[in-house]
Amino acid sequence: MRAEVETLRVEARAERRKEHPTILTAIELVYRLSGRSLDSATVERAVAVAEGVCPVLAMLRPGTAIATSFRIEA
């Protein structure tokens, strides 16, 4: 995609149920990127590709609500 990423941070928040077993019921992932030539469409495609091949997300998705977003920072 030819974008130059200088920094990448992923913030993760989760909710879990109170009863045992205390499994995760919701996960929120926020990708924070900075770099040259970054635009929303390119970052959105890159995140979609990465999430599509992630075995952890594939394992969690059937039983856990997962929300993702990204922020391009200066």
C-alpha atoms as a PDB file:
ATOM      1  CA  MET A   1       0.000   0.000   0.000  1.00  0.00           C
ATOM      2  CA  ARG A   2       3.103   2.146   0.052  1.00  0.00           C
ATOM      3  CA  ALA A   3       2.230   4.107   3.192  1.00  0.00           C
ATOM      4  CA  GLU A   4       5.037   4.970   5.578  1.00  0.00           C
ATOM      5  CA  VAL A   5       3.995   4.189   9.152  1.00  0.00           C
ATOM      6  CA  GLU A   6       6.197   5.803  11.798  1.00  0.00           C
ATOM      7  CA  THR A   7       4.286   4.760  14.907  1.00  0.00           C
ATOM      8  CA  LEU A   8       1.555   2.248  15.627  1.00  0.00           C
ATOM      9  CA  ARG A   9      -0.162   1.768  18.973  1.00  0.00           C
ATOM     10  CA  VAL A  10      -3.122  -0.437  19.670  1.00  0.00           C
ATOM     11  CA  GLU A  11      -5.324   0.386  22.639  1.00  0.00           C
ATOM     12  CA  ALA A  12      -7.480  -2.447  23.894  1.00  0.00           C
ATOM     13  CA  ARG A  13     -10.403  -2.257  26.293  1.00  0.00           C
ATOM     14  CA  ALA A  14     -12.571  -5.148  27.338  1.00  0.00           C
ATOM     15  CA  GLU A  15     -15.665  -5.919  29.339  1.00  0.00           C
ATOM     16  CA  ARG A  16     -16.178  -9.201  31.090  1.00  0.00           C
ATOM     17  CA  ARG A  17     -19.133 -10.750  32.748  1.00  0.00           C
ATOM     18  CA  LYS A  18     -19.343 -10.819  36.525  1.00  0.00           C
ATOM     19  CA  GLU A  19     -20.287 -14.488  36.853  1.00  0.00           C
ATOM     20  CA  HIS A  20     -17.723 -17.242  36.649  1.00  0.00           C
ATOM     21  CA  PRO A  21     -16.180 -18.019  34.300  1.00  0.00           C
ATOM     22  CA  THR A  22     -15.474 -14.311  33.797  1.00  0.00           C
ATOM     23  CA  ILE A  23     -15.147 -14.411  30.020  1.00  0.00           C
ATOM     24  CA  LEU A  24     -14.773 -11.330  27.854  1.00  0.00           C
ATOM     25  CA  THR A  25     -18.099 -10.143  26.493  1.00  0.00           C
ATOM     26  CA  ALA A  26     -16.907  -7.120  24.498  1.00  0.00           C
ATOM     27  CA  ILE A  27     -13.582  -5.861  23.166  1.00  0.00           C
ATOM     28  CA  GLU A  28     -12.741  -2.460  21.703  1.00  0.00           C
ATOM     29  CA  LEU A  29      -9.543  -2.000  19.688  1.00  0.00           C
ATOM     30  CA  VAL A  30      -8.310   1.459  18.671  1.00  0.00           C
ATOM     31  CA  TYR A  31      -5.393   1.567  16.222  1.00  0.00           C
ATOM     32  CA  ARG A  32      -3.405   4.827  16.509  1.00  0.00           C
ATOM     33  CA  LEU A  33      -1.024   5.499  13.635  1.00  0.00           C
ATOM     34  CA  SER A  34       1.227   8.273  12.492  1.00  0.00           C
ATOM     35  CA  GLY A  35       3.374   8.586   9.407  1.00  0.00           C
ATOM     36  CA  ARG A  36       3.671  10.043   5.955  1.00  0.00           C
ATOM     37  CA  SER A  37       1.202   9.361   3.174  1.00  0.00           C
ATOM     38  CA  LEU A  38      -1.402   7.881   5.511  1.00  0.00           C
ATOM     39  CA  ASP A  39      -4.989   8.347   4.478  1.00  0.00           C
ATOM     40  CA  SER A  40      -8.181   6.878   5.882  1.00  0.00           C
ATOM     41  CA  ALA A  41      -8.866   4.544   2.970  1.00  0.00           C
ATOM     42  CA  THR A  42      -5.371   3.031   3.064  1.00  0.00           C
ATOM     43  CA  VAL A  43      -5.412   2.550   6.838  1.00  0.00           C
ATOM     44  CA  GLU A  44      -8.918   1.078   6.734  1.00  0.00           C
ATOM     45  CA  ARG A  45      -7.834  -1.490   4.123  1.00  0.00           C
ATOM     46  CA  ALA A  46      -4.672  -2.373   6.068  1.00  0.00           C
ATOM     47  CA  VAL A  47      -6.604  -2.877   9.311  1.00  0.00           C
ATOM     48  CA  ALA A  48      -9.186  -5.037   7.531  1.00  0.00           C
ATOM     49  CA  VAL A  49      -6.464  -7.229   6.004  1.00  0.00           C
ATOM     50  CA  ALA A  50      -4.630  -7.590   9.328  1.00  0.00           C
ATOM     51  CA  GLU A  51      -7.819  -8.442  11.207  1.00  0.00           C
ATOM     52  CA  GLY A  52      -8.812 -10.919   8.518  1.00  0.00           C
ATOM     53  CA  VAL A  53      -5.713 -13.039   9.101  1.00  0.00           C
ATOM     54  CA  CYS A  54      -5.460 -12.692  12.893  1.00  0.00           C
ATOM     55  CA  PRO A  55      -6.031 -16.089  14.538  1.00  0.00           C
ATOM     56  CA  VAL A  56      -6.840 -14.528  17.927  1.00  0.00           C
ATOM     57  CA  LEU A  57      -9.654 -12.403  16.483  1.00  0.00           C
ATOM     58  CA  ALA A  58     -10.918 -15.397  14.530  1.00  0.00           C
ATOM     59  CA  MET A  59     -11.100 -17.390  17.747  1.00  0.00           C
ATOM     60  CA  LEU A  60     -12.818 -14.636  19.769  1.00  0.00           C
ATOM     61  CA  ARG A  61     -15.302 -13.294  17.206  1.00  0.00           C
ATOM     62  CA  PRO A  62     -17.941 -16.038  17.392  1.00  0.00           C
ATOM     63  CA  GLY A  63     -18.715 -15.352  21.054  1.00  0.00           C
ATOM     64  CA  THR A  64     -17.401 -11.841  21.697  1.00  0.00           C
ATOM     65  CA  ALA A  65     -18.489  -8.460  20.318  1.00  0.00           C
ATOM     66  CA  ILE A  66     -15.388  -6.789  18.853  1.00  0.00           C
ATOM     67  CA  ALA A  67     -15.369  -3.156  17.753  1.00  0.00           C
ATOM     68  CA  THR A  68     -12.398  -1.631  15.968  1.00  0.00           C
ATOM     69  CA  SER A  69     -11.523   1.885  14.917  1.00  0.00           C
ATOM     70  CA  PHE A  70      -8.427   3.823  13.964  1.00  0.00           C
ATOM     71  CA  ARG A  71      -7.021   7.293  14.398  1.00  0.00           C
ATOM     72  CA  ILE A  72      -4.403   8.884  12.178  1.00  0.00           C
ATOM     73  CA  GLU A  73      -2.359  11.203  14.381  1.00  0.00           C
ATOM     74  CA  ALA A  74      -0.098  14.057  13.399  1.00  0.00           C
END
